[in-house]
Amino acid sequence: MQKMTPSIYFGGQMMGTVFVFTCFGIMILACRLVAGDASDKNINYEFLAGHSRGSIFAGRMIAGFMWGAVLNFIILMVRVFITDL
């Protein structure tokens, strides 16, 4: 209890809410990063190169999951490292 600061109290009480908002933000960011090339019609070049729709979808889905997982891990670990300082 000696290290009980307002930020630790807030984190303990409201971390679930912060996590949900963080996940929504990361989902939006990951979607933007993965599917952001739709404006320059980059996906048409993938079709013209002979890739199937399934492989294009799977590749973009895996990239989205990886971006989302990495960003989520980084953002959630920032609090752990700052709290330990």
PDB file of N, CA and C in Angstrom:
ATOM      1  N   MET A   1       0.815  -1.203   0.000  1.00  0.00           N
ATOM      2  CA  MET A   1       0.000   0.000   0.000  1.00  0.00           C
ATOM      3  C   MET A   1       0.854   1.261   0.000  1.00  0.00           C
ATOM      4  N   GLN A   2       2.147   1.137   0.219  1.00  0.00           N
ATOM      5  CA  GLN A   2       2.988   2.323   0.265  1.00  0.00           C
ATOM      6  C   GLN A   2       3.113   2.973  -1.110  1.00  0.00           C
ATOM      7  N   LYS A   3       2.988   2.170  -2.175  1.00  0.00           N
ATOM      8  CA  LYS A   3       3.131   2.716  -3.523  1.00  0.00           C
ATOM      9  C   LYS A   3       1.781   2.998  -4.176  1.00  0.00           C
ATOM     10  N   MET A   4       0.722   3.117  -3.398  1.00  0.00           N
ATOM     11  CA  MET A   4      -0.606   3.356  -3.961  1.00  0.00           C
ATOM     12  C   MET A   4      -0.731   4.806  -4.389  1.00  0.00           C
ATOM     13  N   THR A   5      -0.603   5.026  -5.681  1.00  0.00           N
ATOM     14  CA  THR A   5      -0.755   6.358  -6.247  1.00  0.00           C
ATOM     15  C   THR A   5      -2.099   6.425  -6.964  1.00  0.00           C
ATOM     16  N   PRO A   6      -2.564   7.606  -7.310  1.00  0.00           N
ATOM     17  CA  PRO A   6      -3.835   7.698  -8.037  1.00  0.00           C
ATOM     18  C   PRO A   6      -3.832   6.941  -9.365  1.00  0.00           C
ATOM     19  N   SER A   7      -2.697   6.920 -10.063  1.00  0.00           N
ATOM     20  CA  SER A   7      -2.657   6.214 -11.344  1.00  0.00           C
ATOM     21  C   SER A   7      -2.767   4.701 -11.148  1.00  0.00           C
ATOM     22  N   ILE A   8      -2.153   4.161 -10.105  1.00  0.00           N
ATOM     23  CA  ILE A   8      -2.269   2.727  -9.831  1.00  0.00           C
ATOM     24  C   ILE A   8      -3.698   2.394  -9.410  1.00  0.00           C
ATOM     25  N   TYR A   9      -4.315   3.254  -8.607  1.00  0.00           N
ATOM     26  CA  TYR A   9      -5.712   3.036  -8.206  1.00  0.00           C
ATOM     27  C   TYR A   9      -6.632   3.056  -9.419  1.00  0.00           C
ATOM     28  N   PHE A  10      -6.442   4.031 -10.313  1.00  0.00           N
ATOM     29  CA  PHE A  10      -7.255   4.102 -11.530  1.00  0.00           C
ATOM     30  C   PHE A  10      -7.051   2.868 -12.389  1.00  0.00           C
ATOM     31  N   GLY A  11      -5.786   2.453 -12.534  1.00  0.00           N
ATOM     32  CA  GLY A  11      -5.495   1.267 -13.327  1.00  0.00           C
ATOM     33  C   GLY A  11      -6.126   0.020 -12.755  1.00  0.00           C
ATOM     34  N   GLY A  12      -6.136  -0.089 -11.444  1.00  0.00           N
ATOM     35  CA  GLY A  12      -6.738  -1.250 -10.805  1.00  0.00           C
ATOM     36  C   GLY A  12      -8.255  -1.260 -10.926  1.00  0.00           C
ATOM     37  N   GLN A  13      -8.874  -0.117 -10.870  1.00  0.00           N
ATOM     38  CA  GLN A  13     -10.327  -0.035 -10.911  1.00  0.00           C
ATOM     39  C   GLN A  13     -10.890  -0.002 -12.329  1.00  0.00           C
ATOM     40  N   MET A  14     -10.196   0.648 -13.231  1.00  0.00           N
ATOM     41  CA  MET A  14     -10.750   0.918 -14.558  1.00  0.00           C
ATOM     42  C   MET A  14      -9.991   0.231 -15.683  1.00  0.00           C
ATOM     43  N   MET A  15      -9.116  -0.728 -15.388  1.00  0.00           N
ATOM     44  CA  MET A  15      -8.296  -1.313 -16.443  1.00  0.00           C
ATOM     45  C   MET A  15      -9.132  -2.062 -17.467  1.00  0.00           C
ATOM     46  N   GLY A  16     -10.249  -2.651 -17.042  1.00  0.00           N
ATOM     47  CA  GLY A  16     -11.125  -3.335 -17.993  1.00  0.00           C
ATOM     48  C   GLY A  16     -11.687  -2.375 -19.029  1.00  0.00           C
ATOM     49  N   THR A  17     -12.109  -1.202 -18.595  1.00  0.00           N
ATOM     50  CA  THR A  17     -12.635  -0.195 -19.508  1.00  0.00           C
ATOM     51  C   THR A  17     -11.545   0.320 -20.434  1.00  0.00           C
ATOM     52  N   VAL A  18     -10.374   0.552 -19.883  1.00  0.00           N
ATOM     53  CA  VAL A  18      -9.249   1.015 -20.704  1.00  0.00           C
ATOM     54  C   VAL A  18      -8.891  -0.040 -21.738  1.00  0.00           C
ATOM     55  N   PHE A  19      -8.912  -1.309 -21.346  1.00  0.00           N
ATOM     56  CA  PHE A  19      -8.595  -2.391 -22.268  1.00  0.00           C
ATOM     57  C   PHE A  19      -9.587  -2.443 -23.425  1.00  0.00           C
ATOM     58  N   VAL A  20     -10.877  -2.299 -23.137  1.00  0.00           N
ATOM     59  CA  VAL A  20     -11.895  -2.341 -24.190  1.00  0.00           C
ATOM     60  C   VAL A  20     -11.704  -1.188 -25.172  1.00  0.00           C
ATOM     61  N   PHE A  21     -11.499   0.027 -24.665  1.00  0.00           N
ATOM     62  CA  PHE A  21     -11.288   1.160 -25.558  1.00  0.00           C
ATOM     63  C   PHE A  21     -10.000   1.007 -26.357  1.00  0.00           C
ATOM     64  N   THR A  22      -8.981   0.452 -25.729  1.00  0.00           N
ATOM     65  CA  THR A  22      -7.726   0.214 -26.431  1.00  0.00           C
ATOM     66  C   THR A  22      -7.921  -0.789 -27.554  1.00  0.00           C
ATOM     67  N   CYS A  23      -8.666  -1.848 -27.283  1.00  0.00           N
ATOM     68  CA  CYS A  23      -8.913  -2.857 -28.319  1.00  0.00           C
ATOM     69  C   CYS A  23      -9.684  -2.272 -29.502  1.00  0.00           C
ATOM     70  N   PHE A  24     -10.683  -1.435 -29.230  1.00  0.00           N
ATOM     71  CA  PHE A  24     -11.415  -0.801 -30.321  1.00  0.00           C
ATOM     72  C   PHE A  24     -10.506   0.094 -31.149  1.00  0.00           C
ATOM     73  N   GLY A  25      -9.675   0.865 -30.480  1.00  0.00           N
ATOM     74  CA  GLY A  25      -8.741   1.722 -31.207  1.00  0.00           C
ATOM     75  C   GLY A  25      -7.760   0.930 -32.039  1.00  0.00           C
ATOM     76  N   ILE A  26      -7.271  -0.164 -31.497  1.00  0.00           N
ATOM     77  CA  ILE A  26      -6.318  -0.987 -32.235  1.00  0.00           C
ATOM     78  C   ILE A  26      -6.991  -1.687 -33.403  1.00  0.00           C
ATOM     79  N   MET A  27      -8.249  -2.106 -33.233  1.00  0.00           N
ATOM     80  CA  MET A  27      -8.958  -2.710 -34.359  1.00  0.00           C
ATOM     81  C   MET A  27      -9.098  -1.723 -35.504  1.00  0.00           C
ATOM     82  N   ILE A  28      -9.433  -0.488 -35.190  1.00  0.00           N
ATOM     83  CA  ILE A  28      -9.565   0.531 -36.230  1.00  0.00           C
ATOM     84  C   ILE A  28      -8.219   0.789 -36.894  1.00  0.00           C
ATOM     85  N   LEU A  29      -7.166   0.903 -36.097  1.00  0.00           N
ATOM     86  CA  LEU A  29      -5.838   1.153 -36.648  1.00  0.00           C
ATOM     87  C   LEU A  29      -5.349  -0.021 -37.486  1.00  0.00           C
ATOM     88  N   ALA A  30      -5.562  -1.244 -37.023  1.00  0.00           N
ATOM     89  CA  ALA A  30      -5.127  -2.417 -37.780  1.00  0.00           C
ATOM     90  C   ALA A  30      -5.888  -2.531 -39.099  1.00  0.00           C
ATOM     91  N   CYS A  31      -7.182  -2.245 -39.075  1.00  0.00           N
ATOM     92  CA  CYS A  31      -7.958  -2.271 -40.329  1.00  0.00           C
ATOM     93  C   CYS A  31      -7.450  -1.222 -41.299  1.00  0.00           C
ATOM     94  N   ARG A  32      -7.112  -0.075 -40.781  1.00  0.00           N
ATOM     95  CA  ARG A  32      -6.599   0.993 -41.630  1.00  0.00           C
ATOM     96  C   ARG A  32      -5.234   0.618 -42.230  1.00  0.00           C
ATOM     97  N   LEU A  33      -4.398  -0.009 -41.415  1.00  0.00           N
ATOM     98  CA  LEU A  33      -3.072  -0.394 -41.905  1.00  0.00           C
ATOM     99  C   LEU A  33      -3.144  -1.505 -42.941  1.00  0.00           C
ATOM    100  N   VAL A  34      -4.045  -2.466 -42.744  1.00  0.00           N
ATOM    101  CA  VAL A  34      -4.110  -3.620 -43.632  1.00  0.00           C
ATOM    102  C   VAL A  34      -4.893  -3.310 -44.903  1.00  0.00           C
ATOM    103  N   ALA A  35      -6.010  -2.623 -44.777  1.00  0.00           N
ATOM    104  CA  ALA A  35      -6.867  -2.382 -45.935  1.00  0.00           C
ATOM    105  C   ALA A  35      -6.780  -0.948 -46.429  1.00  0.00           C
ATOM    106  N   GLY A  36      -5.784  -0.213 -46.001  1.00  0.00           N
ATOM    107  CA  GLY A  36      -5.660   1.184 -46.401  1.00  0.00           C
ATOM    108  C   GLY A  36      -5.244   1.385 -47.841  1.00  0.00           C
ATOM    109  N   ASP A  37      -4.819   0.326 -48.505  1.00  0.00           N
ATOM    110  CA  ASP A  37      -4.375   0.483 -49.881  1.00  0.00           C
ATOM    111  C   ASP A  37      -5.528   0.338 -50.880  1.00  0.00           C
ATOM    112  N   ALA A  38      -6.755   0.279 -50.397  1.00  0.00           N
ATOM    113  CA  ALA A  38      -7.903   0.150 -51.306  1.00  0.00           C
ATOM    114  C   ALA A  38      -8.088   1.400 -52.156  1.00  0.00           C
ATOM    115  N   SER A  39      -7.616   2.535 -51.689  1.00  0.00           N
ATOM    116  CA  SER A  39      -7.807   3.766 -52.461  1.00  0.00           C
ATOM    117  C   SER A  39      -6.924   3.808 -53.707  1.00  0.00           C
ATOM    118  N   ASP A  40      -5.774   3.142 -53.680  1.00  0.00           N
ATOM    119  CA  ASP A  40      -4.919   3.162 -54.865  1.00  0.00           C
ATOM    120  C   ASP A  40      -5.057   1.888 -55.698  1.00  0.00           C
ATOM    121  N   LYS A  41      -6.064   1.095 -55.413  1.00  0.00           N
ATOM    122  CA  LYS A  41      -6.412  -0.109 -56.177  1.00  0.00           C
ATOM    123  C   LYS A  41      -5.275  -1.123 -56.218  1.00  0.00           C
ATOM    124  N   ASN A  42      -4.531  -1.228 -55.141  1.00  0.00           N
ATOM    125  CA  ASN A  42      -3.420  -2.173 -55.066  1.00  0.00           C
ATOM    126  C   ASN A  42      -3.902  -3.614 -55.119  1.00  0.00           C
ATOM    127  N   ILE A  43      -5.113  -3.870 -54.632  1.00  0.00           N
ATOM    128  CA  ILE A  43      -5.635  -5.237 -54.627  1.00  0.00           C
ATOM    129  C   ILE A  43      -5.872  -5.739 -56.057  1.00  0.00           C
ATOM    130  N   ASN A  44      -6.158  -4.825 -56.981  1.00  0.00           N
ATOM    131  CA  ASN A  44      -6.330  -5.238 -58.374  1.00  0.00           C
ATOM    132  C   ASN A  44      -5.049  -5.833 -58.938  1.00  0.00           C
ATOM    133  N   TYR A  45      -3.905  -5.298 -58.540  1.00  0.00           N
ATOM    134  CA  TYR A  45      -2.635  -5.841 -59.007  1.00  0.00           C
ATOM    135  C   TYR A  45      -2.383  -7.234 -58.426  1.00  0.00           C
ATOM    136  N   GLU A  46      -2.884  -7.475 -57.235  1.00  0.00           N
ATOM    137  CA  GLU A  46      -2.758  -8.818 -56.669  1.00  0.00           C
ATOM    138  C   GLU A  46      -3.604  -9.813 -57.457  1.00  0.00           C
ATOM    139  N   PHE A  47      -4.806  -9.399 -57.867  1.00  0.00           N
ATOM    140  CA  PHE A  47      -5.637 -10.267 -58.703  1.00  0.00           C
ATOM    141  C   PHE A  47      -4.986 -10.499 -60.064  1.00  0.00           C
ATOM    142  N   LEU A  48      -4.443  -9.443 -60.648  1.00  0.00           N
ATOM    143  CA  LEU A  48      -3.814  -9.572 -61.956  1.00  0.00           C
ATOM    144  C   LEU A  48      -2.556 -10.435 -61.908  1.00  0.00           C
ATOM    145  N   ALA A  49      -1.921 -10.513 -60.749  1.00  0.00           N
ATOM    146  CA  ALA A  49      -0.727 -11.346 -60.607  1.00  0.00           C
ATOM    147  C   ALA A  49      -1.083 -12.828 -60.489  1.00  0.00           C
ATOM    148  N   GLY A  50      -2.363 -13.134 -60.368  1.00  0.00           N
ATOM    149  CA  GLY A  50      -2.791 -14.524 -60.344  1.00  0.00           C
ATOM    150  C   GLY A  50      -3.092 -15.084 -58.971  1.00  0.00           C
ATOM    151  N   HIS A  51      -3.120 -14.249 -57.958  1.00  0.00           N
ATOM    152  CA  HIS A  51      -3.441 -14.730 -56.620  1.00  0.00           C
ATOM    153  C   HIS A  51      -4.946 -14.939 -56.498  1.00  0.00           C
ATOM    154  N   SER A  52      -5.339 -15.948 -55.744  1.00  0.00           N
ATOM    155  CA  SER A  52      -6.765 -16.205 -55.558  1.00  0.00           C
ATOM    156  C   SER A  52      -7.326 -15.281 -54.472  1.00  0.00           C
ATOM    157  N   ARG A  53      -8.644 -15.150 -54.486  1.00  0.00           N
ATOM    158  CA  ARG A  53      -9.286 -14.310 -53.468  1.00  0.00           C
ATOM    159  C   ARG A  53      -9.024 -14.849 -52.068  1.00  0.00           C
ATOM    160  N   GLY A  54      -9.021 -16.168 -51.947  1.00  0.00           N
ATOM    161  CA  GLY A  54      -8.780 -16.784 -50.646  1.00  0.00           C
ATOM    162  C   GLY A  54      -7.396 -16.483 -50.102  1.00  0.00           C
ATOM    163  N   SER A  55      -6.388 -16.542 -50.959  1.00  0.00           N
ATOM    164  CA  SER A  55      -5.032 -16.262 -50.483  1.00  0.00           C
ATOM    165  C   SER A  55      -4.853 -14.780 -50.154  1.00  0.00           C
ATOM    166  N   ILE A  56      -5.484 -13.905 -50.920  1.00  0.00           N
ATOM    167  CA  ILE A  56      -5.411 -12.472 -50.626  1.00  0.00           C
ATOM    168  C   ILE A  56      -6.100 -12.173 -49.299  1.00  0.00           C
ATOM    169  N   PHE A  57      -7.292 -12.760 -49.104  1.00  0.00           N
ATOM    170  CA  PHE A  57      -8.019 -12.551 -47.856  1.00  0.00           C
ATOM    171  C   PHE A  57      -7.239 -13.108 -46.672  1.00  0.00           C
ATOM    172  N   ALA A  58      -6.689 -14.324 -46.822  1.00  0.00           N
ATOM    173  CA  ALA A  58      -5.941 -14.939 -45.725  1.00  0.00           C
ATOM    174  C   ALA A  58      -4.699 -14.121 -45.387  1.00  0.00           C
ATOM    175  N   GLY A  59      -4.002 -13.647 -46.394  1.00  0.00           N
ATOM    176  CA  GLY A  59      -2.815 -12.840 -46.145  1.00  0.00           C
ATOM    177  C   GLY A  59      -3.140 -11.542 -45.428  1.00  0.00           C
ATOM    178  N   ARG A  60      -4.178 -10.886 -45.842  1.00  0.00           N
ATOM    179  CA  ARG A  60      -4.569  -9.634 -45.192  1.00  0.00           C
ATOM    180  C   ARG A  60      -5.122  -9.882 -43.789  1.00  0.00           C
ATOM    181  N   MET A  61      -5.820 -10.999 -43.602  1.00  0.00           N
ATOM    182  CA  MET A  61      -6.351 -11.325 -42.287  1.00  0.00           C
ATOM    183  C   MET A  61      -5.211 -11.627 -41.305  1.00  0.00           C
ATOM    184  N   ILE A  62      -4.222 -12.385 -41.741  1.00  0.00           N
ATOM    185  CA  ILE A  62      -3.082 -12.690 -40.877  1.00  0.00           C
ATOM    186  C   ILE A  62      -2.308 -11.421 -40.551  1.00  0.00           C
ATOM    187  N   ALA A  63      -2.123 -10.567 -41.543  1.00  0.00           N
ATOM    188  CA  ALA A  63      -1.424  -9.302 -41.292  1.00  0.00           C
ATOM    189  C   ALA A  63      -2.205  -8.436 -40.300  1.00  0.00           C
ATOM    190  N   GLY A  64      -3.520  -8.404 -40.419  1.00  0.00           N
ATOM    191  CA  GLY A  64      -4.338  -7.634 -39.488  1.00  0.00           C
ATOM    192  C   GLY A  64      -4.253  -8.172 -38.075  1.00  0.00           C
ATOM    193  N   PHE A  65      -4.313  -9.499 -37.939  1.00  0.00           N
ATOM    194  CA  PHE A  65      -4.174 -10.091 -36.606  1.00  0.00           C
ATOM    195  C   PHE A  65      -2.807  -9.800 -36.006  1.00  0.00           C
ATOM    196  N   MET A  66      -1.774  -9.894 -36.822  1.00  0.00           N
ATOM    197  CA  MET A  66      -0.432  -9.644 -36.304  1.00  0.00           C
ATOM    198  C   MET A  66      -0.267  -8.183 -35.883  1.00  0.00           C
ATOM    199  N   TRP A  67      -0.713  -7.244 -36.724  1.00  0.00           N
ATOM    200  CA  TRP A  67      -0.645  -5.825 -36.354  1.00  0.00           C
ATOM    201  C   TRP A  67      -1.430  -5.571 -35.079  1.00  0.00           C
ATOM    202  N   GLY A  68      -2.634  -6.126 -35.011  1.00  0.00           N
ATOM    203  CA  GLY A  68      -3.464  -5.921 -33.828  1.00  0.00           C
ATOM    204  C   GLY A  68      -2.841  -6.512 -32.576  1.00  0.00           C
ATOM    205  N   ALA A  69      -2.292  -7.718 -32.689  1.00  0.00           N
ATOM    206  CA  ALA A  69      -1.686  -8.361 -31.526  1.00  0.00           C
ATOM    207  C   ALA A  69      -0.445  -7.610 -31.058  1.00  0.00           C
ATOM    208  N   VAL A  70       0.403  -7.205 -31.997  1.00  0.00           N
ATOM    209  CA  VAL A  70       1.631  -6.500 -31.626  1.00  0.00           C
ATOM    210  C   VAL A  70       1.304  -5.145 -31.003  1.00  0.00           C
ATOM    211  N   LEU A  71       0.409  -4.393 -31.613  1.00  0.00           N
ATOM    212  CA  LEU A  71       0.050  -3.087 -31.069  1.00  0.00           C
ATOM    213  C   LEU A  71      -0.627  -3.215 -29.708  1.00  0.00           C
ATOM    214  N   ASN A  72      -1.494  -4.201 -29.573  1.00  0.00           N
ATOM    215  CA  ASN A  72      -2.165  -4.417 -28.298  1.00  0.00           C
ATOM    216  C   ASN A  72      -1.158  -4.775 -27.212  1.00  0.00           C
ATOM    217  N   PHE A  73      -0.218  -5.640 -27.521  1.00  0.00           N
ATOM    218  CA  PHE A  73       0.805  -6.026 -26.555  1.00  0.00           C
ATOM    219  C   PHE A  73       1.654  -4.829 -26.137  1.00  0.00           C
ATOM    220  N   ILE A  74       2.057  -4.031 -27.096  1.00  0.00           N
ATOM    221  CA  ILE A  74       2.902  -2.869 -26.789  1.00  0.00           C
ATOM    222  C   ILE A  74       2.154  -1.878 -25.903  1.00  0.00           C
ATOM    223  N   ILE A  75       0.917  -1.565 -26.272  1.00  0.00           N
ATOM    224  CA  ILE A  75       0.166  -0.561 -25.523  1.00  0.00           C
ATOM    225  C   ILE A  75      -0.152  -1.050 -24.107  1.00  0.00           C
ATOM    226  N   LEU A  76      -0.479  -2.323 -23.957  1.00  0.00           N
ATOM    227  CA  LEU A  76      -0.779  -2.827 -22.621  1.00  0.00           C
ATOM    228  C   LEU A  76       0.474  -2.986 -21.769  1.00  0.00           C
ATOM    229  N   MET A  77       1.617  -3.236 -22.368  1.00  0.00           N
ATOM    230  CA  MET A  77       2.851  -3.398 -21.600  1.00  0.00           C
ATOM    231  C   MET A  77       3.457  -2.058 -21.188  1.00  0.00           C
ATOM    232  N   VAL A  78       3.083  -0.979 -21.845  1.00  0.00           N
ATOM    233  CA  VAL A  78       3.590   0.340 -21.458  1.00  0.00           C
ATOM    234  C   VAL A  78       3.224   0.628 -20.012  1.00  0.00           C
ATOM    235  N   ARG A  79       2.006   0.314 -19.618  1.00  0.00           N
ATOM    236  CA  ARG A  79       1.561   0.555 -18.245  1.00  0.00           C
ATOM    237  C   ARG A  79       2.369  -0.280 -17.257  1.00  0.00           C
ATOM    238  N   VAL A  80       2.674  -1.516 -17.616  1.00  0.00           N
ATOM    239  CA  VAL A  80       3.432  -2.381 -16.716  1.00  0.00           C
ATOM    240  C   VAL A  80       4.838  -1.820 -16.502  1.00  0.00           C
ATOM    241  N   PHE A  81       5.478  -1.383 -17.572  1.00  0.00           N
ATOM    242  CA  PHE A  81       6.840  -0.857 -17.442  1.00  0.00           C
ATOM    243  C   PHE A  81       6.866   0.483 -16.707  1.00  0.00           C
ATOM    244  N   ILE A  82       5.870   1.308 -16.927  1.00  0.00           N
ATOM    245  CA  ILE A  82       5.830   2.602 -16.243  1.00  0.00           C
ATOM    246  C   ILE A  82       5.533   2.396 -14.755  1.00  0.00           C
ATOM    247  N   THR A  83       4.675   1.459 -14.419  1.00  0.00           N
ATOM    248  CA  THR A  83       4.335   1.199 -13.022  1.00  0.00           C
ATOM    249  C   THR A  83       5.538   0.673 -12.252  1.00  0.00           C
ATOM    250  N   ASP A  84       6.374  -0.130 -12.920  1.00  0.00           N
ATOM    251  CA  ASP A  84       7.540  -0.699 -12.241  1.00  0.00           C
ATOM    252  C   ASP A  84       8.661   0.309 -12.015  1.00  0.00           C
ATOM    253  N   LEU A  85       8.620   1.435 -12.668  1.00  0.00           N
ATOM    254  CA  LEU A  85       9.705   2.415 -12.501  1.00  0.00           C
ATOM    255  C   LEU A  85       9.664   3.099 -11.207  1.00  0.00           C
TER     256      LEU A  85
END
